[in-house]
């Protein structure tokens, strides 16, 4: 994998988290699946670029919330 600027990667991860949050707010039958996929993508990216420790707690809490909501 090519060298990634941590600041650029962090911004992309933050945007993915926001997209996931917005998917939950927008509703629809598949909102949980879409949000989960987006959060999982953010978590994968964070791990791949070495920012897992920074973002994992926030992303995992959102994934847990989806499970608690029945998604």
PDB file of N, CA and C in Angstrom:
ATOM      1  N   UNK A   1       0.853  -1.185   0.000  1.00  0.00           N
ATOM      2  CA  UNK A   1       0.000   0.000   0.000  1.00  0.00           C
ATOM      3  C   UNK A   1       0.889   1.235   0.000  1.00  0.00           C
ATOM      4  N   UNK A   2       0.590   2.200  -0.849  1.00  0.00           N
ATOM      5  CA  UNK A   2       1.410   3.411  -0.899  1.00  0.00           C
ATOM      6  C   UNK A   2       1.304   4.203   0.410  1.00  0.00           C
ATOM      7  N   UNK A   3       2.337   4.981   0.675  1.00  0.00           N
ATOM      8  CA  UNK A   3       2.356   5.809   1.876  1.00  0.00           C
ATOM      9  C   UNK A   3       1.188   6.786   1.843  1.00  0.00           C
ATOM     10  N   UNK A   4       0.445   6.846   2.940  1.00  0.00           N
ATOM     11  CA  UNK A   4      -0.722   7.710   3.031  1.00  0.00           C
ATOM     12  C   UNK A   4      -0.454   8.784   4.072  1.00  0.00           C
ATOM     13  N   UNK A   5      -0.796  10.008   3.742  1.00  0.00           N
ATOM     14  CA  UNK A   5      -0.670  11.115   4.689  1.00  0.00           C
ATOM     15  C   UNK A   5      -1.678  10.878   5.818  1.00  0.00           C
ATOM     16  N   UNK A   6      -1.213  10.784   7.068  1.00  0.00           N
ATOM     17  CA  UNK A   6      -2.119  10.509   8.183  1.00  0.00           C
ATOM     18  C   UNK A   6      -3.237  11.541   8.332  1.00  0.00           C
ATOM     19  N   UNK A   7      -2.938  12.791   8.024  1.00  0.00           N
ATOM     20  CA  UNK A   7      -3.967  13.834   8.130  1.00  0.00           C
ATOM     21  C   UNK A   7      -5.061  13.635   7.084  1.00  0.00           C
ATOM     22  N   UNK A   8      -4.665  13.264   5.889  1.00  0.00           N
ATOM     23  CA  UNK A   8      -5.633  13.007   4.818  1.00  0.00           C
ATOM     24  C   UNK A   8      -6.467  11.778   5.162  1.00  0.00           C
ATOM     25  N   UNK A   9      -5.809  10.739   5.662  1.00  0.00           N
ATOM     26  CA  UNK A   9      -6.520   9.518   6.042  1.00  0.00           C
ATOM     27  C   UNK A   9      -7.486   9.796   7.187  1.00  0.00           C
ATOM     28  N   UNK A  10      -7.057  10.566   8.179  1.00  0.00           N
ATOM     29  CA  UNK A  10      -7.917  10.887   9.316  1.00  0.00           C
ATOM     30  C   UNK A  10      -9.153  11.654   8.862  1.00  0.00           C
ATOM     31  N   UNK A  11      -8.977  12.568   7.952  1.00  0.00           N
ATOM     32  CA  UNK A  11     -10.123  13.329   7.426  1.00  0.00           C
ATOM     33  C   UNK A  11     -11.095  12.413   6.695  1.00  0.00           C
ATOM     34  N   UNK A  12     -10.580  11.498   5.911  1.00  0.00           N
ATOM     35  CA  UNK A  12     -11.435  10.543   5.183  1.00  0.00           C
ATOM     36  C   UNK A  12     -12.195   9.646   6.173  1.00  0.00           C
ATOM     37  N   UNK A  13     -11.533   9.210   7.218  1.00  0.00           N
ATOM     38  CA  UNK A  13     -12.173   8.370   8.227  1.00  0.00           C
ATOM     39  C   UNK A  13     -13.279   9.141   8.937  1.00  0.00           C
ATOM     40  N   UNK A  14     -12.996  10.392   9.295  1.00  0.00           N
ATOM     41  CA  UNK A  14     -14.025  11.233   9.931  1.00  0.00           C
ATOM     42  C   UNK A  14     -15.236  11.389   9.023  1.00  0.00           C
ATOM     43  N   UNK A  15     -14.993  11.593   7.733  1.00  0.00           N
ATOM     44  CA  UNK A  15     -16.098  11.728   6.787  1.00  0.00           C
ATOM     45  C   UNK A  15     -16.919  10.451   6.689  1.00  0.00           C
ATOM     46  N   UNK A  16     -16.261   9.302   6.718  1.00  0.00           N
ATOM     47  CA  UNK A  16     -16.990   8.036   6.682  1.00  0.00           C
ATOM     48  C   UNK A  16     -17.859   7.875   7.936  1.00  0.00           C
ATOM     49  N   UNK A  17     -17.347   8.270   9.082  1.00  0.00           N
ATOM     50  CA  UNK A  17     -18.134   8.197  10.309  1.00  0.00           C
ATOM     51  C   UNK A  17     -19.366   9.086  10.199  1.00  0.00           C
ATOM     52  N   UNK A  18     -19.201  10.271   9.671  1.00  0.00           N
ATOM     53  CA  UNK A  18     -20.329  11.189   9.495  1.00  0.00           C
ATOM     54  C   UNK A  18     -21.339  10.615   8.506  1.00  0.00           C
ATOM     55  N   UNK A  19     -20.863  10.021   7.433  1.00  0.00           N
ATOM     56  CA  UNK A  19     -21.764   9.391   6.460  1.00  0.00           C
ATOM     57  C   UNK A  19     -22.574   8.290   7.147  1.00  0.00           C
ATOM     58  N   UNK A  20     -21.927   7.480   7.956  1.00  0.00           N
ATOM     59  CA  UNK A  20     -22.634   6.430   8.689  1.00  0.00           C
ATOM     60  C   UNK A  20     -23.691   7.010   9.617  1.00  0.00           C
ATOM     61  N   UNK A  21     -23.340   8.068  10.332  1.00  0.00           N
ATOM     62  CA  UNK A  21     -24.303   8.732  11.218  1.00  0.00           C
ATOM     63  C   UNK A  21     -25.497   9.250  10.423  1.00  0.00           C
ATOM     64  N   UNK A  22     -25.225   9.853   9.281  1.00  0.00           N
ATOM     65  CA  UNK A  22     -26.305  10.397   8.453  1.00  0.00           C
ATOM     66  C   UNK A  22     -27.201   9.301   7.904  1.00  0.00           C
ATOM     67  N   UNK A  23     -26.628   8.168   7.582  1.00  0.00           N
ATOM     68  CA  UNK A  23     -27.443   7.056   7.081  1.00  0.00           C
ATOM     69  C   UNK A  23     -28.423   6.593   8.142  1.00  0.00           C
ATOM     70  N   UNK A  24     -28.013   6.599   9.382  1.00  0.00           N
ATOM     71  CA  UNK A  24     -28.926   6.216  10.456  1.00  0.00           C
ATOM     72  C   UNK A  24     -30.048   7.241  10.616  1.00  0.00           C
ATOM     73  N   UNK A  25     -29.719   8.505  10.466  1.00  0.00           N
ATOM     74  CA  UNK A  25     -30.717   9.565  10.620  1.00  0.00           C
ATOM     75  C   UNK A  25     -31.726   9.585   9.480  1.00  0.00           C
ATOM     76  N   UNK A  26     -31.279   9.209   8.280  1.00  0.00           N
ATOM     77  CA  UNK A  26     -32.145   9.287   7.110  1.00  0.00           C
ATOM     78  C   UNK A  26     -33.231   8.225   7.110  1.00  0.00           C
ATOM     79  N   UNK A  27     -33.017   7.145   7.815  1.00  0.00           N
ATOM     80  CA  UNK A  27     -34.035   6.100   7.890  1.00  0.00           C
ATOM     81  C   UNK A  27     -34.007   5.180   6.694  1.00  0.00           C
ATOM     82  N   UNK A  28     -35.112   4.469   6.531  1.00  0.00           N
ATOM     83  CA  UNK A  28     -35.193   3.485   5.464  1.00  0.00           C
ATOM     84  C   UNK A  28     -34.975   2.089   6.021  1.00  0.00           C
ATOM     85  N   UNK A  29     -35.441   1.110   5.291  1.00  0.00           N
ATOM     86  CA  UNK A  29     -35.367  -0.275   5.737  1.00  0.00           C
ATOM     87  C   UNK A  29     -33.939  -0.781   5.901  1.00  0.00           C
ATOM     88  N   UNK A  30     -33.028  -0.257   5.109  1.00  0.00           N
ATOM     89  CA  UNK A  30     -31.653  -0.765   5.137  1.00  0.00           C
ATOM     90  C   UNK A  30     -30.669   0.190   5.800  1.00  0.00           C
ATOM     91  N   UNK A  31     -31.195   1.114   6.620  1.00  0.00           N
ATOM     92  CA  UNK A  31     -30.309   2.115   7.221  1.00  0.00           C
ATOM     93  C   UNK A  31     -29.237   1.488   8.105  1.00  0.00           C
ATOM     94  N   UNK A  32     -29.588   0.430   8.849  1.00  0.00           N
ATOM     95  CA  UNK A  32     -28.602  -0.189   9.728  1.00  0.00           C
ATOM     96  C   UNK A  32     -27.502  -0.877   8.925  1.00  0.00           C
ATOM     97  N   UNK A  33     -27.882  -1.562   7.875  1.00  0.00           N
ATOM     98  CA  UNK A  33     -26.891  -2.265   7.049  1.00  0.00           C
ATOM     99  C   UNK A  33     -25.957  -1.272   6.368  1.00  0.00           C
ATOM    100  N   UNK A  34     -26.520  -0.203   5.839  1.00  0.00           N
ATOM    101  CA  UNK A  34     -25.688   0.809   5.171  1.00  0.00           C
ATOM    102  C   UNK A  34     -24.739   1.481   6.163  1.00  0.00           C
ATOM    103  N   UNK A  35     -25.267   1.845   7.325  1.00  0.00           N
ATOM    104  CA  UNK A  35     -24.427   2.498   8.331  1.00  0.00           C
ATOM    105  C   UNK A  35     -23.333   1.551   8.805  1.00  0.00           C
ATOM    106  N   UNK A  36     -23.702   0.290   9.071  1.00  0.00           N
ATOM    107  CA  UNK A  36     -22.711  -0.699   9.523  1.00  0.00           C
ATOM    108  C   UNK A  36     -21.588  -0.840   8.502  1.00  0.00           C
ATOM    109  N   UNK A  37     -21.955  -0.946   7.237  1.00  0.00           N
ATOM    110  CA  UNK A  37     -20.944  -1.076   6.192  1.00  0.00           C
ATOM    111  C   UNK A  37     -20.006   0.116   6.139  1.00  0.00           C
ATOM    112  N   UNK A  38     -20.564   1.296   6.317  1.00  0.00           N
ATOM    113  CA  UNK A  38     -19.745   2.507   6.292  1.00  0.00           C
ATOM    114  C   UNK A  38     -18.805   2.561   7.495  1.00  0.00           C
ATOM    115  N   UNK A  39     -19.324   2.207   8.674  1.00  0.00           N
ATOM    116  CA  UNK A  39     -18.470   2.188   9.865  1.00  0.00           C
ATOM    117  C   UNK A  39     -17.369   1.138   9.736  1.00  0.00           C
ATOM    118  N   UNK A  40     -17.703  -0.013   9.182  1.00  0.00           N
ATOM    119  CA  UNK A  40     -16.699  -1.062   8.995  1.00  0.00           C
ATOM    120  C   UNK A  40     -15.626  -0.614   8.015  1.00  0.00           C
ATOM    121  N   UNK A  41     -16.032   0.112   6.989  1.00  0.00           N
ATOM    122  CA  UNK A  41     -15.063   0.656   6.033  1.00  0.00           C
ATOM    123  C   UNK A  41     -14.135   1.649   6.741  1.00  0.00           C
ATOM    124  N   UNK A  42     -14.699   2.494   7.582  1.00  0.00           N
ATOM    125  CA  UNK A  42     -13.889   3.464   8.328  1.00  0.00           C
ATOM    126  C   UNK A  42     -12.913   2.748   9.251  1.00  0.00           C
ATOM    127  N   UNK A  43     -13.368   1.699   9.919  1.00  0.00           N
ATOM    128  CA  UNK A  43     -12.501   0.957  10.825  1.00  0.00           C
ATOM    129  C   UNK A  43     -11.369   0.265  10.074  1.00  0.00           C
ATOM    130  N   UNK A  44     -11.692  -0.352   8.928  1.00  0.00           N
ATOM    131  CA  UNK A  44     -10.654  -0.985   8.105  1.00  0.00           C
ATOM    132  C   UNK A  44      -9.608   0.034   7.674  1.00  0.00           C
ATOM    133  N   UNK A  45     -10.069   1.179   7.211  1.00  0.00           N
ATOM    134  CA  UNK A  45      -9.139   2.210   6.755  1.00  0.00           C
ATOM    135  C   UNK A  45      -8.253   2.671   7.914  1.00  0.00           C
ATOM    136  N   UNK A  46      -8.852   2.883   9.070  1.00  0.00           N
ATOM    137  CA  UNK A  46      -8.079   3.329  10.233  1.00  0.00           C
ATOM    138  C   UNK A  46      -6.991   2.311  10.583  1.00  0.00           C
ATOM    139  N   UNK A  47      -7.356   1.033  10.561  1.00  0.00           N
ATOM    140  CA  UNK A  47      -6.378  -0.014  10.870  1.00  0.00           C
ATOM    141  C   UNK A  47      -5.270  -0.052   9.824  1.00  0.00           C
ATOM    142  N   UNK A  48      -5.646   0.058   8.558  1.00  0.00           N
ATOM    143  CA  UNK A  48      -4.672  -0.038   7.465  1.00  0.00           C
ATOM    144  C   UNK A  48      -3.642   1.078   7.487  1.00  0.00           C
ATOM    145  N   UNK A  49      -4.050   2.269   7.915  1.00  0.00           N
ATOM    146  CA  UNK A  49      -3.123   3.402   7.897  1.00  0.00           C
ATOM    147  C   UNK A  49      -2.502   3.683   9.264  1.00  0.00           C
ATOM    148  N   UNK A  50      -2.748   2.778  10.220  1.00  0.00           N
ATOM    149  CA  UNK A  50      -2.121   2.928  11.527  1.00  0.00           C
ATOM    150  C   UNK A  50      -2.823   3.893  12.466  1.00  0.00           C
ATOM    151  N   UNK A  51      -4.104   4.177  12.213  1.00  0.00           N
ATOM    152  CA  UNK A  51      -4.851   5.088  13.069  1.00  0.00           C
ATOM    153  C   UNK A  51      -5.938   4.359  13.865  1.00  0.00           C
ATOM    154  N   UNK A  52      -5.811   3.048  13.955  1.00  0.00           N
ATOM    155  CA  UNK A  52      -6.814   2.259  14.642  1.00  0.00           C
ATOM    156  C   UNK A  52      -7.010   2.663  16.094  1.00  0.00           C
ATOM    157  N   UNK A  53      -5.926   2.881  16.803  1.00  0.00           N
ATOM    158  CA  UNK A  53      -6.026   3.248  18.219  1.00  0.00           C
ATOM    159  C   UNK A  53      -6.801   4.544  18.397  1.00  0.00           C
ATOM    160  N   UNK A  54      -6.656   5.442  17.465  1.00  0.00           N
ATOM    161  CA  UNK A  54      -7.302   6.752  17.549  1.00  0.00           C
ATOM    162  C   UNK A  54      -8.797   6.675  17.284  1.00  0.00           C
ATOM    163  N   UNK A  55      -9.202   5.864  16.299  1.00  0.00           N
ATOM    164  CA  UNK A  55     -10.591   5.852  15.864  1.00  0.00           C
ATOM    165  C   UNK A  55     -11.395   4.637  16.318  1.00  0.00           C
ATOM    166  N   UNK A  56     -10.737   3.544  16.658  1.00  0.00           N
ATOM    167  CA  UNK A  56     -11.448   2.306  16.991  1.00  0.00           C
ATOM    168  C   UNK A  56     -12.525   2.493  18.059  1.00  0.00           C
ATOM    169  N   UNK A  57     -12.243   3.163  19.197  1.00  0.00           N
ATOM    170  CA  UNK A  57     -13.284   3.285  20.230  1.00  0.00           C
ATOM    171  C   UNK A  57     -14.556   3.961  19.724  1.00  0.00           C
ATOM    172  N   UNK A  58     -14.417   4.991  18.914  1.00  0.00           N
ATOM    173  CA  UNK A  58     -15.581   5.712  18.399  1.00  0.00           C
ATOM    174  C   UNK A  58     -16.383   4.850  17.432  1.00  0.00           C
ATOM    175  N   UNK A  59     -15.669   4.169  16.559  1.00  0.00           N
ATOM    176  CA  UNK A  59     -16.337   3.358  15.540  1.00  0.00           C
ATOM    177  C   UNK A  59     -16.977   2.125  16.181  1.00  0.00           C
ATOM    178  N   UNK A  60     -16.267   1.478  17.088  1.00  0.00           N
ATOM    179  CA  UNK A  60     -16.824   0.288  17.725  1.00  0.00           C
ATOM    180  C   UNK A  60     -18.065   0.631  18.537  1.00  0.00           C
ATOM    181  N   UNK A  61     -18.086   1.786  19.174  1.00  0.00           N
ATOM    182  CA  UNK A  61     -19.277   2.203  19.929  1.00  0.00           C
ATOM    183  C   UNK A  61     -20.469   2.372  18.992  1.00  0.00           C
ATOM    184  N   UNK A  62     -20.238   2.920  17.822  1.00  0.00           N
ATOM    185  CA  UNK A  62     -21.326   3.075  16.858  1.00  0.00           C
ATOM    186  C   UNK A  62     -21.827   1.720  16.371  1.00  0.00           C
ATOM    187  N   UNK A  63     -20.910   0.800  16.120  1.00  0.00           N
ATOM    188  CA  UNK A  63     -21.308  -0.546  15.703  1.00  0.00           C
ATOM    189  C   UNK A  63     -22.105  -1.241  16.804  1.00  0.00           C
ATOM    190  N   UNK A  64     -21.689  -1.072  18.054  1.00  0.00           N
ATOM    191  CA  UNK A  64     -22.433  -1.650  19.174  1.00  0.00           C
ATOM    192  C   UNK A  64     -23.834  -1.046  19.260  1.00  0.00           C
ATOM    193  N   UNK A  65     -23.941   0.240  19.018  1.00  0.00           N
ATOM    194  CA  UNK A  65     -25.243   0.914  19.071  1.00  0.00           C
ATOM    195  C   UNK A  65     -26.196   0.349  18.036  1.00  0.00           C
ATOM    196  N   UNK A  66     -25.673   0.049  16.854  1.00  0.00           N
ATOM    197  CA  UNK A  66     -26.515  -0.534  15.806  1.00  0.00           C
ATOM    198  C   UNK A  66     -27.058  -1.874  16.282  1.00  0.00           C
ATOM    199  N   UNK A  67     -26.203  -2.685  16.908  1.00  0.00           N
ATOM    200  CA  UNK A  67     -26.645  -3.985  17.409  1.00  0.00           C
ATOM    201  C   UNK A  67     -27.714  -3.800  18.495  1.00  0.00           C
ATOM    202  N   UNK A  68     -27.520  -2.817  19.369  1.00  0.00           N
ATOM    203  CA  UNK A  68     -28.486  -2.567  20.434  1.00  0.00           C
ATOM    204  C   UNK A  68     -29.838  -2.117  19.881  1.00  0.00           C
ATOM    205  N   UNK A  69     -29.808  -1.402  18.773  1.00  0.00           N
ATOM    206  CA  UNK A  69     -31.039  -0.914  18.147  1.00  0.00           C
ATOM    207  C   UNK A  69     -31.744  -1.986  17.333  1.00  0.00           C
ATOM    208  N   UNK A  70     -31.110  -3.122  17.224  1.00  0.00           N
ATOM    209  CA  UNK A  70     -31.733  -4.217  16.501  1.00  0.00           C
ATOM    210  C   UNK A  70     -31.349  -4.296  15.044  1.00  0.00           C
ATOM    211  N   UNK A  71     -30.299  -3.611  14.690  1.00  0.00           N
ATOM    212  CA  UNK A  71     -29.858  -3.621  13.295  1.00  0.00           C
ATOM    213  C   UNK A  71     -28.870  -4.669  13.072  1.00  0.00           C
TER     214      UNK A  71
END
